[in-house]
Amino acid sequence: MSYFPESGYVRLRQIIGDPKASPPVPGVIPVSRSLWWEWVKTGKAPKPHKLGPKITAWRVSDIRRLIDELAEQEAA
């Protein structure tokens, strides 16, 4: 996760990745866009913040916490 910022906000493509980008953006939580939004809807993923009319982002701290929770679930 060295390319993932330590703090601030990240957009969805930084979280789930974007293989069609040039260069491709690897995801830290490689799930589909629809699954991600289902997780947000059900509360499994953190709620986004609107930074502008067309800008939705998540706090890095919330995403890092989710990554830790998913890793714990996988280890169990």
PDB file of N, CA and C in Angstrom:
ATOM      1  N   MET A   1       0.818  -1.196   0.000  1.00  0.00           N
ATOM      2  CA  MET A   1       0.000   0.000   0.000  1.00  0.00           C
ATOM      3  C   MET A   1       0.861   1.258   0.000  1.00  0.00           C
ATOM      4  N   SER A   2       2.065   1.169  -0.488  1.00  0.00           N
ATOM      5  CA  SER A   2       2.969   2.319  -0.447  1.00  0.00           C
ATOM      6  C   SER A   2       2.466   3.485  -1.297  1.00  0.00           C
ATOM      7  N   TYR A   3       1.647   3.215  -2.317  1.00  0.00           N
ATOM      8  CA  TYR A   3       1.121   4.280  -3.167  1.00  0.00           C
ATOM      9  C   TYR A   3      -0.135   4.900  -2.577  1.00  0.00           C
ATOM     10  N   PHE A   4      -0.667   4.305  -1.522  1.00  0.00           N
ATOM     11  CA  PHE A   4      -1.887   4.797  -0.887  1.00  0.00           C
ATOM     12  C   PHE A   4      -1.504   5.881   0.110  1.00  0.00           C
ATOM     13  N   PRO A   5      -2.177   7.035   0.091  1.00  0.00           N
ATOM     14  CA  PRO A   5      -1.779   8.126   0.987  1.00  0.00           C
ATOM     15  C   PRO A   5      -1.952   7.780   2.459  1.00  0.00           C
ATOM     16  N   GLU A   6      -1.223   8.478   3.301  1.00  0.00           N
ATOM     17  CA  GLU A   6      -1.300   8.267   4.744  1.00  0.00           C
ATOM     18  C   GLU A   6      -2.516   8.953   5.358  1.00  0.00           C
ATOM     19  N   SER A   7      -2.936  10.059   4.757  1.00  0.00           N
ATOM     20  CA  SER A   7      -4.075  10.802   5.294  1.00  0.00           C
ATOM     21  C   SER A   7      -4.773  11.530   4.157  1.00  0.00           C
ATOM     22  N   GLY A   8      -5.874  12.168   4.485  1.00  0.00           N
ATOM     23  CA  GLY A   8      -6.623  12.912   3.493  1.00  0.00           C
ATOM     24  C   GLY A   8      -7.806  12.113   2.979  1.00  0.00           C
ATOM     25  N   TYR A   9      -8.101  12.302   1.706  1.00  0.00           N
ATOM     26  CA  TYR A   9      -9.243  11.653   1.071  1.00  0.00           C
ATOM     27  C   TYR A   9      -8.796  10.897  -0.168  1.00  0.00           C
ATOM     28  N   VAL A  10      -9.549   9.854  -0.521  1.00  0.00           N
ATOM     29  CA  VAL A  10      -9.294   9.102  -1.747  1.00  0.00           C
ATOM     30  C   VAL A  10     -10.603   8.940  -2.502  1.00  0.00           C
ATOM     31  N   ARG A  11     -10.468   8.861  -3.814  1.00  0.00           N
ATOM     32  CA  ARG A  11     -11.622   8.643  -4.678  1.00  0.00           C
ATOM     33  C   ARG A  11     -11.821   7.145  -4.869  1.00  0.00           C
ATOM     34  N   LEU A  12     -12.960   6.774  -5.427  1.00  0.00           N
ATOM     35  CA  LEU A  12     -13.321   5.373  -5.574  1.00  0.00           C
ATOM     36  C   LEU A  12     -12.293   4.589  -6.381  1.00  0.00           C
ATOM     37  N   ARG A  13     -11.788   5.148  -7.472  1.00  0.00           N
ATOM     38  CA  ARG A  13     -10.819   4.408  -8.294  1.00  0.00           C
ATOM     39  C   ARG A  13      -9.525   4.108  -7.556  1.00  0.00           C
ATOM     40  N   GLN A  14      -9.192   4.909  -6.538  1.00  0.00           N
ATOM     41  CA  GLN A  14      -8.012   4.629  -5.723  1.00  0.00           C
ATOM     42  C   GLN A  14      -8.281   3.485  -4.743  1.00  0.00           C
ATOM     43  N   ILE A  15      -9.538   3.274  -4.424  1.00  0.00           N
ATOM     44  CA  ILE A  15      -9.910   2.213  -3.487  1.00  0.00           C
ATOM     45  C   ILE A  15     -10.068   0.883  -4.211  1.00  0.00           C
ATOM     46  N   ILE A  16     -10.910   0.857  -5.250  1.00  0.00           N
ATOM     47  CA  ILE A  16     -11.198  -0.417  -5.926  1.00  0.00           C
ATOM     48  C   ILE A  16     -10.314  -0.652  -7.147  1.00  0.00           C
ATOM     49  N   GLY A  17      -9.589   0.367  -7.570  1.00  0.00           N
ATOM     50  CA  GLY A  17      -8.698   0.229  -8.720  1.00  0.00           C
ATOM     51  C   GLY A  17      -9.377   0.603 -10.026  1.00  0.00           C
ATOM     52  N   ASP A  18      -8.560   0.769 -11.051  1.00  0.00           N
ATOM     53  CA  ASP A  18      -9.046   1.094 -12.389  1.00  0.00           C
ATOM     54  C   ASP A  18      -8.086   0.499 -13.411  1.00  0.00           C
ATOM     55  N   PRO A  19      -8.359  -0.742 -13.859  1.00  0.00           N
ATOM     56  CA  PRO A  19      -7.449  -1.402 -14.798  1.00  0.00           C
ATOM     57  C   PRO A  19      -7.424  -0.759 -16.181  1.00  0.00           C
ATOM     58  N   LYS A  20      -8.435   0.067 -16.496  1.00  0.00           N
ATOM     59  CA  LYS A  20      -8.499   0.703 -17.821  1.00  0.00           C
ATOM     60  C   LYS A  20      -7.741   2.026 -17.872  1.00  0.00           C
ATOM     61  N   ALA A  21      -7.310   2.511 -16.725  1.00  0.00           N
ATOM     62  CA  ALA A  21      -6.554   3.774 -16.691  1.00  0.00           C
ATOM     63  C   ALA A  21      -5.167   3.546 -17.290  1.00  0.00           C
ATOM     64  N   SER A  22      -4.547   4.633 -17.685  1.00  0.00           N
ATOM     65  CA  SER A  22      -3.198   4.535 -18.238  1.00  0.00           C
ATOM     66  C   SER A  22      -2.284   5.427 -17.409  1.00  0.00           C
ATOM     67  N   PRO A  23      -1.428   4.877 -16.579  1.00  0.00           N
ATOM     68  CA  PRO A  23      -1.231   3.458 -16.285  1.00  0.00           C
ATOM     69  C   PRO A  23      -2.359   2.938 -15.391  1.00  0.00           C
ATOM     70  N   PRO A  24      -2.559   1.625 -15.368  1.00  0.00           N
ATOM     71  CA  PRO A  24      -3.616   1.048 -14.531  1.00  0.00           C
ATOM     72  C   PRO A  24      -3.424   1.398 -13.055  1.00  0.00           C
ATOM     73  N   VAL A  25      -4.542   1.605 -12.367  1.00  0.00           N
ATOM     74  CA  VAL A  25      -4.515   1.934 -10.943  1.00  0.00           C
ATOM     75  C   VAL A  25      -4.891   0.668 -10.175  1.00  0.00           C
ATOM     76  N   PRO A  26      -3.961   0.121  -9.370  1.00  0.00           N
ATOM     77  CA  PRO A  26      -4.304  -1.073  -8.591  1.00  0.00           C
ATOM     78  C   PRO A  26      -5.223  -0.704  -7.424  1.00  0.00           C
ATOM     79  N   GLY A  27      -6.130  -1.576  -7.097  1.00  0.00           N
ATOM     80  CA  GLY A  27      -7.045  -1.320  -5.990  1.00  0.00           C
ATOM     81  C   GLY A  27      -6.521  -1.873  -4.679  1.00  0.00           C
ATOM     82  N   VAL A  28      -6.786  -1.182  -3.587  1.00  0.00           N
ATOM     83  CA  VAL A  28      -6.413  -1.702  -2.280  1.00  0.00           C
ATOM     84  C   VAL A  28      -7.503  -2.624  -1.756  1.00  0.00           C
ATOM     85  N   ILE A  29      -8.725  -2.458  -2.272  1.00  0.00           N
ATOM     86  CA  ILE A  29      -9.840  -3.359  -1.988  1.00  0.00           C
ATOM     87  C   ILE A  29     -10.424  -3.709  -3.363  1.00  0.00           C
ATOM     88  N   PRO A  30      -9.902  -4.744  -4.010  1.00  0.00           N
ATOM     89  CA  PRO A  30     -10.296  -5.043  -5.389  1.00  0.00           C
ATOM     90  C   PRO A  30     -11.669  -5.710  -5.497  1.00  0.00           C
ATOM     91  N   VAL A  31     -12.710  -4.900  -5.437  1.00  0.00           N
ATOM     92  CA  VAL A  31     -14.080  -5.373  -5.630  1.00  0.00           C
ATOM     93  C   VAL A  31     -14.697  -4.551  -6.756  1.00  0.00           C
ATOM     94  N   SER A  32     -15.829  -4.995  -7.257  1.00  0.00           N
ATOM     95  CA  SER A  32     -16.501  -4.256  -8.327  1.00  0.00           C
ATOM     96  C   SER A  32     -17.129  -2.977  -7.774  1.00  0.00           C
ATOM     97  N   ARG A  33     -17.380  -2.060  -8.675  1.00  0.00           N
ATOM     98  CA  ARG A  33     -18.021  -0.795  -8.306  1.00  0.00           C
ATOM     99  C   ARG A  33     -19.389  -1.059  -7.666  1.00  0.00           C
ATOM    100  N   SER A  34     -20.161  -1.980  -8.259  1.00  0.00           N
ATOM    101  CA  SER A  34     -21.505  -2.258  -7.730  1.00  0.00           C
ATOM    102  C   SER A  34     -21.429  -2.888  -6.332  1.00  0.00           C
ATOM    103  N   LEU A  35     -20.478  -3.782  -6.109  1.00  0.00           N
ATOM    104  CA  LEU A  35     -20.327  -4.377  -4.787  1.00  0.00           C
ATOM    105  C   LEU A  35     -19.909  -3.315  -3.775  1.00  0.00           C
ATOM    106  N   TRP A  36     -19.005  -2.429  -4.175  1.00  0.00           N
ATOM    107  CA  TRP A  36     -18.572  -1.362  -3.270  1.00  0.00           C
ATOM    108  C   TRP A  36     -19.772  -0.535  -2.823  1.00  0.00           C
ATOM    109  N   TRP A  37     -20.615  -0.124  -3.768  1.00  0.00           N
ATOM    110  CA  TRP A  37     -21.763   0.706  -3.411  1.00  0.00           C
ATOM    111  C   TRP A  37     -22.778  -0.072  -2.589  1.00  0.00           C
ATOM    112  N   GLU A  38     -22.875  -1.378  -2.784  1.00  0.00           N
ATOM    113  CA  GLU A  38     -23.730  -2.211  -1.937  1.00  0.00           C
ATOM    114  C   GLU A  38     -23.180  -2.216  -0.512  1.00  0.00           C
ATOM    115  N   TRP A  39     -21.858  -2.336  -0.372  1.00  0.00           N
ATOM    116  CA  TRP A  39     -21.228  -2.277   0.951  1.00  0.00           C
ATOM    117  C   TRP A  39     -21.503  -0.940   1.631  1.00  0.00           C
ATOM    118  N   VAL A  40     -21.431   0.153   0.875  1.00  0.00           N
ATOM    119  CA  VAL A  40     -21.711   1.483   1.454  1.00  0.00           C
ATOM    120  C   VAL A  40     -23.168   1.526   1.923  1.00  0.00           C
ATOM    121  N   LYS A  41     -24.061   1.034   1.091  1.00  0.00           N
ATOM    122  CA  LYS A  41     -25.492   1.045   1.408  1.00  0.00           C
ATOM    123  C   LYS A  41     -25.793   0.237   2.666  1.00  0.00           C
ATOM    124  N   THR A  42     -25.134  -0.912   2.834  1.00  0.00           N
ATOM    125  CA  THR A  42     -25.401  -1.786   3.972  1.00  0.00           C
ATOM    126  C   THR A  42     -24.563  -1.445   5.212  1.00  0.00           C
ATOM    127  N   GLY A  43     -23.609  -0.531   5.070  1.00  0.00           N
ATOM    128  CA  GLY A  43     -22.795  -0.123   6.207  1.00  0.00           C
ATOM    129  C   GLY A  43     -21.503  -0.906   6.365  1.00  0.00           C
ATOM    130  N   LYS A  44     -21.220  -1.838   5.461  1.00  0.00           N
ATOM    131  CA  LYS A  44     -19.959  -2.578   5.546  1.00  0.00           C
ATOM    132  C   LYS A  44     -18.776  -1.668   5.197  1.00  0.00           C
ATOM    133  N   ALA A  45     -18.980  -0.773   4.253  1.00  0.00           N
ATOM    134  CA  ALA A  45     -17.961   0.212   3.864  1.00  0.00           C
ATOM    135  C   ALA A  45     -18.370   1.571   4.431  1.00  0.00           C
ATOM    136  N   PRO A  46     -17.400   2.438   4.685  1.00  0.00           N
ATOM    137  CA  PRO A  46     -17.727   3.754   5.256  1.00  0.00           C
ATOM    138  C   PRO A  46     -18.508   4.620   4.281  1.00  0.00           C
ATOM    139  N   LYS A  47     -19.248   5.550   4.841  1.00  0.00           N
ATOM    140  CA  LYS A  47     -20.015   6.483   4.022  1.00  0.00           C
ATOM    141  C   LYS A  47     -19.066   7.489   3.373  1.00  0.00           C
ATOM    142  N   PRO A  48     -19.364   7.875   2.147  1.00  0.00           N
ATOM    143  CA  PRO A  48     -18.516   8.850   1.462  1.00  0.00           C
ATOM    144  C   PRO A  48     -18.811  10.278   1.918  1.00  0.00           C
ATOM    145  N   HIS A  49     -17.920  11.166   1.530  1.00  0.00           N
ATOM    146  CA  HIS A  49     -18.079  12.594   1.779  1.00  0.00           C
ATOM    147  C   HIS A  49     -18.151  13.282   0.425  1.00  0.00           C
ATOM    148  N   LYS A  50     -19.080  14.207   0.281  1.00  0.00           N
ATOM    149  CA  LYS A  50     -19.177  14.991  -0.950  1.00  0.00           C
ATOM    150  C   LYS A  50     -18.258  16.205  -0.803  1.00  0.00           C
ATOM    151  N   LEU A  51     -17.239  16.254  -1.663  1.00  0.00           N
ATOM    152  CA  LEU A  51     -16.303  17.378  -1.623  1.00  0.00           C
ATOM    153  C   LEU A  51     -16.675  18.453  -2.630  1.00  0.00           C
ATOM    154  N   GLY A  52     -17.634  18.147  -3.466  1.00  0.00           N
ATOM    155  CA  GLY A  52     -18.116  19.070  -4.477  1.00  0.00           C
ATOM    156  C   GLY A  52     -19.293  18.430  -5.178  1.00  0.00           C
ATOM    157  N   PRO A  53     -19.907  19.135  -6.131  1.00  0.00           N
ATOM    158  CA  PRO A  53     -21.085  18.589  -6.800  1.00  0.00           C
ATOM    159  C   PRO A  53     -20.830  17.253  -7.513  1.00  0.00           C
ATOM    160  N   LYS A  54     -19.626  17.054  -8.010  1.00  0.00           N
ATOM    161  CA  LYS A  54     -19.309  15.822  -8.731  1.00  0.00           C
ATOM    162  C   LYS A  54     -18.121  15.082  -8.117  1.00  0.00           C
ATOM    163  N   ILE A  55     -17.811  15.397  -6.870  1.00  0.00           N
ATOM    164  CA  ILE A  55     -16.651  14.778  -6.230  1.00  0.00           C
ATOM    165  C   ILE A  55     -17.081  14.048  -4.964  1.00  0.00           C
ATOM    166  N   THR A  56     -16.944  12.727  -4.999  1.00  0.00           N
ATOM    167  CA  THR A  56     -17.238  11.878  -3.847  1.00  0.00           C
ATOM    168  C   THR A  56     -15.924  11.248  -3.411  1.00  0.00           C
ATOM    169  N   ALA A  57     -15.654  11.279  -2.123  1.00  0.00           N
ATOM    170  CA  ALA A  57     -14.387  10.738  -1.621  1.00  0.00           C
ATOM    171  C   ALA A  57     -14.597  10.134  -0.238  1.00  0.00           C
ATOM    172  N   TRP A  58     -13.611   9.351   0.174  1.00  0.00           N
ATOM    173  CA  TRP A  58     -13.629   8.700   1.477  1.00  0.00           C
ATOM    174  C   TRP A  58     -12.389   9.099   2.242  1.00  0.00           C
ATOM    175  N   ARG A  59     -12.501   9.189   3.559  1.00  0.00           N
ATOM    176  CA  ARG A  59     -11.333   9.467   4.394  1.00  0.00           C
ATOM    177  C   ARG A  59     -10.393   8.276   4.340  1.00  0.00           C
ATOM    178  N   VAL A  60      -9.120   8.547   4.180  1.00  0.00           N
ATOM    179  CA  VAL A  60      -8.115   7.486   4.144  1.00  0.00           C
ATOM    180  C   VAL A  60      -8.161   6.680   5.440  1.00  0.00           C
ATOM    181  N   SER A  61      -8.334   7.344   6.565  1.00  0.00           N
ATOM    182  CA  SER A  61      -8.377   6.627   7.849  1.00  0.00           C
ATOM    183  C   SER A  61      -9.525   5.624   7.882  1.00  0.00           C
ATOM    184  N   ASP A  62     -10.674   5.966   7.306  1.00  0.00           N
ATOM    185  CA  ASP A  62     -11.812   5.044   7.266  1.00  0.00           C
ATOM    186  C   ASP A  62     -11.508   3.842   6.379  1.00  0.00           C
ATOM    187  N   ILE A  63     -10.844   4.081   5.251  1.00  0.00           N
ATOM    188  CA  ILE A  63     -10.511   2.989   4.331  1.00  0.00           C
ATOM    189  C   ILE A  63      -9.451   2.089   4.944  1.00  0.00           C
ATOM    190  N   ARG A  64      -8.464   2.659   5.606  1.00  0.00           N
ATOM    191  CA  ARG A  64      -7.439   1.832   6.271  1.00  0.00           C
ATOM    192  C   ARG A  64      -8.070   0.970   7.372  1.00  0.00           C
ATOM    193  N   ARG A  65      -9.028   1.513   8.096  1.00  0.00           N
ATOM    194  CA  ARG A  65      -9.730   0.747   9.130  1.00  0.00           C
ATOM    195  C   ARG A  65     -10.502  -0.410   8.485  1.00  0.00           C
ATOM    196  N   LEU A  66     -11.169  -0.159   7.361  1.00  0.00           N
ATOM    197  CA  LEU A  66     -11.891  -1.211   6.650  1.00  0.00           C
ATOM    198  C   LEU A  66     -10.935  -2.295   6.167  1.00  0.00           C
ATOM    199  N   ILE A  67      -9.784  -1.919   5.652  1.00  0.00           N
ATOM    200  CA  ILE A  67      -8.783  -2.892   5.198  1.00  0.00           C
ATOM    201  C   ILE A  67      -8.354  -3.781   6.365  1.00  0.00           C
ATOM    202  N   ASP A  68      -8.138  -3.183   7.521  1.00  0.00           N
ATOM    203  CA  ASP A  68      -7.756  -3.958   8.712  1.00  0.00           C
ATOM    204  C   ASP A  68      -8.868  -4.917   9.119  1.00  0.00           C
ATOM    205  N   GLU A  69     -10.124  -4.450   9.071  1.00  0.00           N
ATOM    206  CA  GLU A  69     -11.260  -5.312   9.422  1.00  0.00           C
ATOM    207  C   GLU A  69     -11.385  -6.475   8.450  1.00  0.00           C
ATOM    208  N   LEU A  70     -11.223  -6.200   7.154  1.00  0.00           N
ATOM    209  CA  LEU A  70     -11.323  -7.269   6.151  1.00  0.00           C
ATOM    210  C   LEU A  70     -10.197  -8.285   6.335  1.00  0.00           C
ATOM    211  N   ALA A  71      -8.998  -7.811   6.678  1.00  0.00           N
ATOM    212  CA  ALA A  71      -7.877  -8.715   6.907  1.00  0.00           C
ATOM    213  C   ALA A  71      -8.122  -9.603   8.126  1.00  0.00           C
ATOM    214  N   GLU A  72      -8.705  -9.028   9.167  1.00  0.00           N
ATOM    215  CA  GLU A  72      -9.027  -9.812  10.374  1.00  0.00           C
ATOM    216  C   GLU A  72     -10.070 -10.883  10.057  1.00  0.00           C
ATOM    217  N   GLN A  73     -11.088 -10.520   9.257  1.00  0.00           N
ATOM    218  CA  GLN A  73     -12.127 -11.474   8.878  1.00  0.00           C
ATOM    219  C   GLN A  73     -11.540 -12.610   8.042  1.00  0.00           C
ATOM    220  N   GLU A  74     -10.619 -12.273   7.168  1.00  0.00           N
ATOM    221  CA  GLU A  74      -9.998 -13.278   6.307  1.00  0.00           C
ATOM    222  C   GLU A  74      -9.111 -14.223   7.117  1.00  0.00           C
ATOM    223  N   ALA A  75      -8.466 -13.689   8.156  1.00  0.00           N
ATOM    224  CA  ALA A  75      -7.574 -14.497   8.978  1.00  0.00           C
ATOM    225  C   ALA A  75      -8.348 -15.447   9.903  1.00  0.00           C
ATOM    226  N   ALA A  76      -9.581 -15.071  10.220  1.00  0.00           N
ATOM    227  CA  ALA A  76     -10.364 -15.896  11.152  1.00  0.00           C
ATOM    228  C   ALA A  76     -10.912 -17.154  10.522  1.00  0.00           C
TER     229      ALA A  76
END
